[in-house]
Amino acid sequence: MGIVAWIVLGLIAGAVAKFLLPGRDPGGLIVTTLIGVAGSFVGGWISSKVFDRPISAHFFDLATWGSAIGGALVLLILYRIFFGNSRS
């Protein structure tokens, strides 16, 4: 899977993570989207290195989607913990 596919996957994973963790984020939509893209890379790395589960080259693989959404959720939670709700 190429870099563009990972970015698209990350955008969708960020939207799913935002849907699963509703609420106001400190950075808004753009930061949440970037967290989703970074989360897809982090989730893929964790899946391949820590769990020894290589990421499939197919875009519609369930493990690939799960790792991307999981990575986005982890980064979104960490972002909320460290930066809190700065938007009032």
PDB file of N, CA and C in Angstrom:
ATOM      1  N   MET A   1       0.847  -1.160   0.000  1.00  0.00           N
ATOM      2  CA  MET A   1       0.000   0.000   0.000  1.00  0.00           C
ATOM      3  C   MET A   1       0.898   1.230   0.000  1.00  0.00           C
ATOM      4  N   GLY A   2       0.597   2.180  -0.838  1.00  0.00           N
ATOM      5  CA  GLY A   2       1.418   3.360  -0.981  1.00  0.00           C
ATOM      6  C   GLY A   2       1.115   4.422   0.055  1.00  0.00           C
ATOM      7  N   ILE A   3       1.901   5.475   0.028  1.00  0.00           N
ATOM      8  CA  ILE A   3       1.766   6.559   1.001  1.00  0.00           C
ATOM      9  C   ILE A   3       0.418   7.269   0.869  1.00  0.00           C
ATOM     10  N   VAL A   4      -0.071   7.427  -0.356  1.00  0.00           N
ATOM     11  CA  VAL A   4      -1.362   8.095  -0.556  1.00  0.00           C
ATOM     12  C   VAL A   4      -2.486   7.257   0.046  1.00  0.00           C
ATOM     13  N   ALA A   5      -2.401   5.944  -0.108  1.00  0.00           N
ATOM     14  CA  ALA A   5      -3.415   5.064   0.474  1.00  0.00           C
ATOM     15  C   ALA A   5      -3.383   5.145   1.997  1.00  0.00           C
ATOM     16  N   TRP A   6      -2.179   5.232   2.587  1.00  0.00           N
ATOM     17  CA  TRP A   6      -2.091   5.371   4.046  1.00  0.00           C
ATOM     18  C   TRP A   6      -2.667   6.703   4.508  1.00  0.00           C
ATOM     19  N   ILE A   7      -2.485   7.748   3.738  1.00  0.00           N
ATOM     20  CA  ILE A   7      -3.041   9.054   4.112  1.00  0.00           C
ATOM     21  C   ILE A   7      -4.565   9.014   4.047  1.00  0.00           C
ATOM     22  N   VAL A   8      -5.099   8.421   2.985  1.00  0.00           N
ATOM     23  CA  VAL A   8      -6.560   8.297   2.876  1.00  0.00           C
ATOM     24  C   VAL A   8      -7.089   7.432   4.016  1.00  0.00           C
ATOM     25  N   LEU A   9      -6.414   6.327   4.276  1.00  0.00           N
ATOM     26  CA  LEU A   9      -6.806   5.458   5.388  1.00  0.00           C
ATOM     27  C   LEU A   9      -6.746   6.223   6.705  1.00  0.00           C
ATOM     28  N   GLY A  10      -5.726   7.041   6.885  1.00  0.00           N
ATOM     29  CA  GLY A  10      -5.591   7.836   8.099  1.00  0.00           C
ATOM     30  C   GLY A  10      -6.682   8.871   8.252  1.00  0.00           C
ATOM     31  N   LEU A  11      -7.084   9.480   7.148  1.00  0.00           N
ATOM     32  CA  LEU A  11      -8.185  10.451   7.208  1.00  0.00           C
ATOM     33  C   LEU A  11      -9.476   9.776   7.663  1.00  0.00           C
ATOM     34  N   ILE A  12      -9.731   8.608   7.111  1.00  0.00           N
ATOM     35  CA  ILE A  12     -10.938   7.877   7.495  1.00  0.00           C
ATOM     36  C   ILE A  12     -10.812   7.360   8.925  1.00  0.00           C
ATOM     37  N   ALA A  13      -9.629   6.872   9.297  1.00  0.00           N
ATOM     38  CA  ALA A  13      -9.411   6.385  10.665  1.00  0.00           C
ATOM     39  C   ALA A  13      -9.570   7.516  11.672  1.00  0.00           C
ATOM     40  N   GLY A  14      -9.117   8.706  11.327  1.00  0.00           N
ATOM     41  CA  GLY A  14      -9.297   9.860  12.208  1.00  0.00           C
ATOM     42  C   GLY A  14     -10.759  10.206  12.391  1.00  0.00           C
ATOM     43  N   ALA A  15     -11.546  10.105  11.318  1.00  0.00           N
ATOM     44  CA  ALA A  15     -12.977  10.373  11.417  1.00  0.00           C
ATOM     45  C   ALA A  15     -13.669   9.320  12.282  1.00  0.00           C
ATOM     46  N   VAL A  16     -13.280   8.064  12.126  1.00  0.00           N
ATOM     47  CA  VAL A  16     -13.862   7.000  12.940  1.00  0.00           C
ATOM     48  C   VAL A  16     -13.472   7.176  14.405  1.00  0.00           C
ATOM     49  N   ALA A  17     -12.216   7.526  14.663  1.00  0.00           N
ATOM     50  CA  ALA A  17     -11.765   7.752  16.034  1.00  0.00           C
ATOM     51  C   ALA A  17     -12.516   8.924  16.659  1.00  0.00           C
ATOM     52  N   LYS A  18     -12.743   9.959  15.899  1.00  0.00           N
ATOM     53  CA  LYS A  18     -13.502  11.108  16.392  1.00  0.00           C
ATOM     54  C   LYS A  18     -14.944  10.708  16.677  1.00  0.00           C
ATOM     55  N   PHE A  19     -15.514   9.830  15.842  1.00  0.00           N
ATOM     56  CA  PHE A  19     -16.869   9.343  16.059  1.00  0.00           C
ATOM     57  C   PHE A  19     -16.935   8.502  17.338  1.00  0.00           C
ATOM     58  N   LEU A  20     -15.915   7.690  17.581  1.00  0.00           N
ATOM     59  CA  LEU A  20     -15.891   6.837  18.768  1.00  0.00           C
ATOM     60  C   LEU A  20     -15.584   7.609  20.046  1.00  0.00           C
ATOM     61  N   LEU A  21     -14.873   8.718  19.929  1.00  0.00           N
ATOM     62  CA  LEU A  21     -14.552   9.576  21.071  1.00  0.00           C
ATOM     63  C   LEU A  21     -15.124  10.976  20.837  1.00  0.00           C
ATOM     64  N   PRO A  22     -16.422  11.121  20.970  1.00  0.00           N
ATOM     65  CA  PRO A  22     -17.003  12.441  20.696  1.00  0.00           C
ATOM     66  C   PRO A  22     -16.568  13.460  21.749  1.00  0.00           C
ATOM     67  N   GLY A  23     -16.718  14.685  21.402  1.00  0.00           N
ATOM     68  CA  GLY A  23     -16.345  15.772  22.301  1.00  0.00           C
ATOM     69  C   GLY A  23     -15.528  16.805  21.559  1.00  0.00           C
ATOM     70  N   ARG A  24     -15.241  17.853  22.262  1.00  0.00           N
ATOM     71  CA  ARG A  24     -14.471  18.933  21.657  1.00  0.00           C
ATOM     72  C   ARG A  24     -12.990  18.661  21.830  1.00  0.00           C
ATOM     73  N   ASP A  25     -12.287  18.702  20.736  1.00  0.00           N
ATOM     74  CA  ASP A  25     -10.843  18.515  20.772  1.00  0.00           C
ATOM     75  C   ASP A  25     -10.153  19.868  20.805  1.00  0.00           C
ATOM     76  N   PRO A  26      -8.989  19.935  21.463  1.00  0.00           N
ATOM     77  CA  PRO A  26      -8.275  21.212  21.561  1.00  0.00           C
ATOM     78  C   PRO A  26      -7.895  21.816  20.221  1.00  0.00           C
ATOM     79  N   GLY A  27      -7.625  21.014  19.207  1.00  0.00           N
ATOM     80  CA  GLY A  27      -7.130  21.541  17.949  1.00  0.00           C
ATOM     81  C   GLY A  27      -8.160  21.656  16.848  1.00  0.00           C
ATOM     82  N   GLY A  28      -9.329  21.117  17.057  1.00  0.00           N
ATOM     83  CA  GLY A  28     -10.350  21.191  16.027  1.00  0.00           C
ATOM     84  C   GLY A  28     -10.218  20.100  14.981  1.00  0.00           C
ATOM     85  N   LEU A  29     -10.885  20.317  13.865  1.00  0.00           N
ATOM     86  CA  LEU A  29     -10.981  19.304  12.817  1.00  0.00           C
ATOM     87  C   LEU A  29      -9.645  19.013  12.142  1.00  0.00           C
ATOM     88  N   ILE A  30      -8.857  20.029  11.872  1.00  0.00           N
ATOM     89  CA  ILE A  30      -7.599  19.828  11.161  1.00  0.00           C
ATOM     90  C   ILE A  30      -6.621  19.018  11.998  1.00  0.00           C
ATOM     91  N   VAL A  31      -6.485  19.348  13.264  1.00  0.00           N
ATOM     92  CA  VAL A  31      -5.565  18.609  14.134  1.00  0.00           C
ATOM     93  C   VAL A  31      -6.057  17.182  14.325  1.00  0.00           C
ATOM     94  N   THR A  32      -7.368  16.999  14.476  1.00  0.00           N
ATOM     95  CA  THR A  32      -7.920  15.654  14.615  1.00  0.00           C
ATOM     96  C   THR A  32      -7.645  14.826  13.368  1.00  0.00           C
ATOM     97  N   THR A  33      -7.738  15.432  12.202  1.00  0.00           N
ATOM     98  CA  THR A  33      -7.440  14.742  10.953  1.00  0.00           C
ATOM     99  C   THR A  33      -5.965  14.356  10.884  1.00  0.00           C
ATOM    100  N   LEU A  34      -5.093  15.267  11.257  1.00  0.00           N
ATOM    101  CA  LEU A  34      -3.657  14.959  11.268  1.00  0.00           C
ATOM    102  C   LEU A  34      -3.321  13.867  12.274  1.00  0.00           C
ATOM    103  N   ILE A  35      -4.016  13.857  13.398  1.00  0.00           N
ATOM    104  CA  ILE A  35      -3.832  12.790  14.381  1.00  0.00           C
ATOM    105  C   ILE A  35      -4.270  11.454  13.781  1.00  0.00           C
ATOM    106  N   GLY A  36      -5.321  11.465  12.989  1.00  0.00           N
ATOM    107  CA  GLY A  36      -5.762  10.243  12.326  1.00  0.00           C
ATOM    108  C   GLY A  36      -4.731   9.716  11.344  1.00  0.00           C
ATOM    109  N   VAL A  37      -4.126  10.596  10.582  1.00  0.00           N
ATOM    110  CA  VAL A  37      -3.086  10.183   9.638  1.00  0.00           C
ATOM    111  C   VAL A  37      -1.877   9.638  10.400  1.00  0.00           C
ATOM    112  N   ALA A  38      -1.448  10.350  11.428  1.00  0.00           N
ATOM    113  CA  ALA A  38      -0.317   9.868  12.235  1.00  0.00           C
ATOM    114  C   ALA A  38      -0.678   8.560  12.932  1.00  0.00           C
ATOM    115  N   GLY A  39      -1.920   8.447  13.373  1.00  0.00           N
ATOM    116  CA  GLY A  39      -2.367   7.228  14.038  1.00  0.00           C
ATOM    117  C   GLY A  39      -2.346   6.023  13.127  1.00  0.00           C
ATOM    118  N   SER A  40      -2.634   6.224  11.858  1.00  0.00           N
ATOM    119  CA  SER A  40      -2.583   5.093  10.941  1.00  0.00           C
ATOM    120  C   SER A  40      -1.153   4.598  10.774  1.00  0.00           C
ATOM    121  N   PHE A  41      -0.198   5.516  10.738  1.00  0.00           N
ATOM    122  CA  PHE A  41       1.201   5.114  10.657  1.00  0.00           C
ATOM    123  C   PHE A  41       1.660   4.442  11.953  1.00  0.00           C
ATOM    124  N   VAL A  42       1.275   5.010  13.088  1.00  0.00           N
ATOM    125  CA  VAL A  42       1.650   4.430  14.381  1.00  0.00           C
ATOM    126  C   VAL A  42       1.007   3.058  14.559  1.00  0.00           C
ATOM    127  N   GLY A  43      -0.267   2.943  14.219  1.00  0.00           N
ATOM    128  CA  GLY A  43      -0.953   1.659  14.330  1.00  0.00           C
ATOM    129  C   GLY A  43      -0.340   0.603  13.437  1.00  0.00           C
ATOM    130  N   GLY A  44       0.033   0.985  12.232  1.00  0.00           N
ATOM    131  CA  GLY A  44       0.689   0.050  11.335  1.00  0.00           C
ATOM    132  C   GLY A  44       2.049  -0.381  11.842  1.00  0.00           C
ATOM    133  N   TRP A  45       2.788   0.554  12.408  1.00  0.00           N
ATOM    134  CA  TRP A  45       4.100   0.232  12.955  1.00  0.00           C
ATOM    135  C   TRP A  45       3.970  -0.694  14.157  1.00  0.00           C
ATOM    136  N   ILE A  46       3.043  -0.382  15.062  1.00  0.00           N
ATOM    137  CA  ILE A  46       2.835  -1.230  16.237  1.00  0.00           C
ATOM    138  C   ILE A  46       2.410  -2.630  15.815  1.00  0.00           C
ATOM    139  N   SER A  47       1.523  -2.705  14.850  1.00  0.00           N
ATOM    140  CA  SER A  47       1.040  -4.000  14.382  1.00  0.00           C
ATOM    141  C   SER A  47       2.164  -4.839  13.793  1.00  0.00           C
ATOM    142  N   SER A  48       3.043  -4.211  13.031  1.00  0.00           N
ATOM    143  CA  SER A  48       4.109  -4.978  12.386  1.00  0.00           C
ATOM    144  C   SER A  48       5.278  -5.276  13.319  1.00  0.00           C
ATOM    145  N   LYS A  49       5.622  -4.373  14.208  1.00  0.00           N
ATOM    146  CA  LYS A  49       6.800  -4.550  15.056  1.00  0.00           C
ATOM    147  C   LYS A  49       6.491  -5.234  16.379  1.00  0.00           C
ATOM    148  N   VAL A  50       5.487  -4.773  17.072  1.00  0.00           N
ATOM    149  CA  VAL A  50       5.204  -5.283  18.409  1.00  0.00           C
ATOM    150  C   VAL A  50       4.427  -6.595  18.356  1.00  0.00           C
ATOM    151  N   PHE A  51       3.376  -6.629  17.530  1.00  0.00           N
ATOM    152  CA  PHE A  51       2.529  -7.823  17.465  1.00  0.00           C
ATOM    153  C   PHE A  51       2.964  -8.800  16.389  1.00  0.00           C
ATOM    154  N   ASP A  52       4.015  -8.481  15.664  1.00  0.00           N
ATOM    155  CA  ASP A  52       4.546  -9.329  14.596  1.00  0.00           C
ATOM    156  C   ASP A  52       3.460  -9.712  13.588  1.00  0.00           C
ATOM    157  N   ARG A  53       2.583  -8.760  13.315  1.00  0.00           N
ATOM    158  CA  ARG A  53       1.502  -8.949  12.342  1.00  0.00           C
ATOM    159  C   ARG A  53       1.741  -7.967  11.216  1.00  0.00           C
ATOM    160  N   PRO A  54       2.354  -8.429  10.123  1.00  0.00           N
ATOM    161  CA  PRO A  54       2.637  -7.500   9.026  1.00  0.00           C
ATOM    162  C   PRO A  54       1.354  -6.942   8.421  1.00  0.00           C
ATOM    163  N   ILE A  55       1.431  -5.707   8.016  1.00  0.00           N
ATOM    164  CA  ILE A  55       0.291  -5.037   7.409  1.00  0.00           C
ATOM    165  C   ILE A  55       0.147  -5.521   5.981  1.00  0.00           C
ATOM    166  N   SER A  56      -1.059  -5.816   5.609  1.00  0.00           N
ATOM    167  CA  SER A  56      -1.336  -6.317   4.270  1.00  0.00           C
ATOM    168  C   SER A  56      -1.159  -5.208   3.242  1.00  0.00           C
ATOM    169  N   ALA A  57      -0.882  -5.611   2.038  1.00  0.00           N
ATOM    170  CA  ALA A  57      -0.753  -4.650   0.946  1.00  0.00           C
ATOM    171  C   ALA A  57      -2.119  -4.265   0.394  1.00  0.00           C
ATOM    172  N   HIS A  58      -3.161  -4.868   0.918  1.00  0.00           N
ATOM    173  CA  HIS A  58      -4.511  -4.583   0.437  1.00  0.00           C
ATOM    174  C   HIS A  58      -5.154  -3.496   1.286  1.00  0.00           C
ATOM    175  N   PHE A  59      -5.834  -2.585   0.625  1.00  0.00           N
ATOM    176  CA  PHE A  59      -6.447  -1.451   1.301  1.00  0.00           C
ATOM    177  C   PHE A  59      -7.614  -1.888   2.172  1.00  0.00           C
ATOM    178  N   PHE A  60      -8.319  -2.943   1.801  1.00  0.00           N
ATOM    179  CA  PHE A  60      -9.530  -3.343   2.500  1.00  0.00           C
ATOM    180  C   PHE A  60      -9.311  -4.498   3.469  1.00  0.00           C
ATOM    181  N   ASP A  61      -8.098  -4.640   3.996  1.00  0.00           N
ATOM    182  CA  ASP A  61      -7.802  -5.676   4.974  1.00  0.00           C
ATOM    183  C   ASP A  61      -8.281  -5.213   6.352  1.00  0.00           C
ATOM    184  N   LEU A  62      -8.996  -6.083   7.059  1.00  0.00           N
ATOM    185  CA  LEU A  62      -9.575  -5.729   8.354  1.00  0.00           C
ATOM    186  C   LEU A  62      -8.495  -5.413   9.391  1.00  0.00           C
ATOM    187  N   ALA A  63      -7.386  -6.155   9.381  1.00  0.00           N
ATOM    188  CA  ALA A  63      -6.306  -5.892  10.338  1.00  0.00           C
ATOM    189  C   ALA A  63      -5.662  -4.525  10.092  1.00  0.00           C
ATOM    190  N   THR A  64      -5.548  -4.139   8.839  1.00  0.00           N
ATOM    191  CA  THR A  64      -4.989  -2.826   8.508  1.00  0.00           C
ATOM    192  C   THR A  64      -5.893  -1.716   9.038  1.00  0.00           C
ATOM    193  N   TRP A  65      -7.181  -1.863   8.817  1.00  0.00           N
ATOM    194  CA  TRP A  65      -8.132  -0.859   9.308  1.00  0.00           C
ATOM    195  C   TRP A  65      -8.159  -0.816  10.833  1.00  0.00           C
ATOM    196  N   GLY A  66      -8.124  -1.985  11.451  1.00  0.00           N
ATOM    197  CA  GLY A  66      -8.137  -2.035  12.909  1.00  0.00           C
ATOM    198  C   GLY A  66      -6.912  -1.376  13.523  1.00  0.00           C
ATOM    199  N   SER A  67      -5.757  -1.624  12.938  1.00  0.00           N
ATOM    200  CA  SER A  67      -4.546  -1.013  13.469  1.00  0.00           C
ATOM    201  C   SER A  67      -4.533   0.496  13.244  1.00  0.00           C
ATOM    202  N   ALA A  68      -5.048   0.943  12.115  1.00  0.00           N
ATOM    203  CA  ALA A  68      -5.092   2.384  11.841  1.00  0.00           C
ATOM    204  C   ALA A  68      -6.057   3.090  12.782  1.00  0.00           C
ATOM    205  N   ILE A  69      -7.225   2.520  12.981  1.00  0.00           N
ATOM    206  CA  ILE A  69      -8.204   3.139  13.880  1.00  0.00           C
ATOM    207  C   ILE A  69      -7.708   3.071  15.318  1.00  0.00           C
ATOM    208  N   GLY A  70      -7.099   1.947  15.699  1.00  0.00           N
ATOM    209  CA  GLY A  70      -6.546   1.832  17.047  1.00  0.00           C
ATOM    210  C   GLY A  70      -5.445   2.846  17.306  1.00  0.00           C
ATOM    211  N   GLY A  71      -4.564   3.033  16.335  1.00  0.00           N
ATOM    212  CA  GLY A  71      -3.511   4.035  16.477  1.00  0.00           C
ATOM    213  C   GLY A  71      -4.065   5.442  16.577  1.00  0.00           C
ATOM    214  N   ALA A  72      -5.098   5.739  15.789  1.00  0.00           N
ATOM    215  CA  ALA A  72      -5.723   7.057  15.847  1.00  0.00           C
ATOM    216  C   ALA A  72      -6.403   7.278  17.193  1.00  0.00           C
ATOM    217  N   LEU A  73      -7.042   6.249  17.727  1.00  0.00           N
ATOM    218  CA  LEU A  73      -7.674   6.369  19.046  1.00  0.00           C
ATOM    219  C   LEU A  73      -6.639   6.636  20.131  1.00  0.00           C
ATOM    220  N   VAL A  74      -5.534   5.901  20.091  1.00  0.00           N
ATOM    221  CA  VAL A  74      -4.482   6.085  21.094  1.00  0.00           C
ATOM    222  C   VAL A  74      -3.924   7.505  21.024  1.00  0.00           C
ATOM    223  N   LEU A  75      -3.612   7.974  19.825  1.00  0.00           N
ATOM    224  CA  LEU A  75      -3.061   9.331  19.701  1.00  0.00           C
ATOM    225  C   LEU A  75      -4.075  10.396  20.094  1.00  0.00           C
ATOM    226  N   LEU A  76      -5.350  10.188  19.766  1.00  0.00           N
ATOM    227  CA  LEU A  76      -6.379  11.157  20.141  1.00  0.00           C
ATOM    228  C   LEU A  76      -6.548  11.215  21.654  1.00  0.00           C
ATOM    229  N   ILE A  77      -6.511  10.070  22.311  1.00  0.00           N
ATOM    230  CA  ILE A  77      -6.613  10.048  23.771  1.00  0.00           C
ATOM    231  C   ILE A  77      -5.406  10.735  24.398  1.00  0.00           C
ATOM    232  N   LEU A  78      -4.202  10.434  23.902  1.00  0.00           N
ATOM    233  CA  LEU A  78      -3.008  11.087  24.432  1.00  0.00           C
ATOM    234  C   LEU A  78      -3.039  12.594  24.205  1.00  0.00           C
ATOM    235  N   TYR A  79      -3.524  13.002  23.038  1.00  0.00           N
ATOM    236  CA  TYR A  79      -3.623  14.426  22.743  1.00  0.00           C
ATOM    237  C   TYR A  79      -4.571  15.123  23.711  1.00  0.00           C
ATOM    238  N   ARG A  80      -5.697  14.471  23.996  1.00  0.00           N
ATOM    239  CA  ARG A  80      -6.653  15.062  24.945  1.00  0.00           C
ATOM    240  C   ARG A  80      -6.089  15.098  26.348  1.00  0.00           C
ATOM    241  N   ILE A  81      -5.312  14.091  26.733  1.00  0.00           N
ATOM    242  CA  ILE A  81      -4.726  14.075  28.065  1.00  0.00           C
ATOM    243  C   ILE A  81      -3.707  15.205  28.228  1.00  0.00           C
ATOM    244  N   PHE A  82      -2.835  15.368  27.240  1.00  0.00           N
ATOM    245  CA  PHE A  82      -1.761  16.349  27.363  1.00  0.00           C
ATOM    246  C   PHE A  82      -2.205  17.790  27.103  1.00  0.00           C
ATOM    247  N   PHE A  83      -3.158  17.980  26.215  1.00  0.00           N
ATOM    248  CA  PHE A  83      -3.544  19.342  25.873  1.00  0.00           C
ATOM    249  C   PHE A  83      -4.907  19.739  26.395  1.00  0.00           C
ATOM    250  N   GLY A  84      -5.667  18.803  26.924  1.00  0.00           N
ATOM    251  CA  GLY A  84      -6.943  19.098  27.565  1.00  0.00           C
ATOM    252  C   GLY A  84      -7.920  19.782  26.638  1.00  0.00           C
ATOM    253  N   ASN A  85      -8.909  20.355  27.215  1.00  0.00           N
ATOM    254  CA  ASN A  85      -9.937  21.057  26.460  1.00  0.00           C
ATOM    255  C   ASN A  85      -9.647  22.551  26.502  1.00  0.00           C
ATOM    256  N   SER A  86      -8.789  23.008  25.623  1.00  0.00           N
ATOM    257  CA  SER A  86      -8.402  24.422  25.614  1.00  0.00           C
ATOM    258  C   SER A  86      -9.398  25.291  24.879  1.00  0.00           C
ATOM    259  N   ARG A  87     -10.353  24.654  24.161  1.00  0.00           N
ATOM    260  CA  ARG A  87     -11.382  25.426  23.468  1.00  0.00           C
ATOM    261  C   ARG A  87     -12.561  25.617  24.401  1.00  0.00           C
ATOM    262  N   SER A  88     -12.890  26.837  24.682  1.00  0.00           N
ATOM    263  CA  SER A  88     -14.018  27.118  25.585  1.00  0.00           C
ATOM    264  C   SER A  88     -15.198  27.663  24.812  1.00  0.00           C
TER     265      SER A  88
END
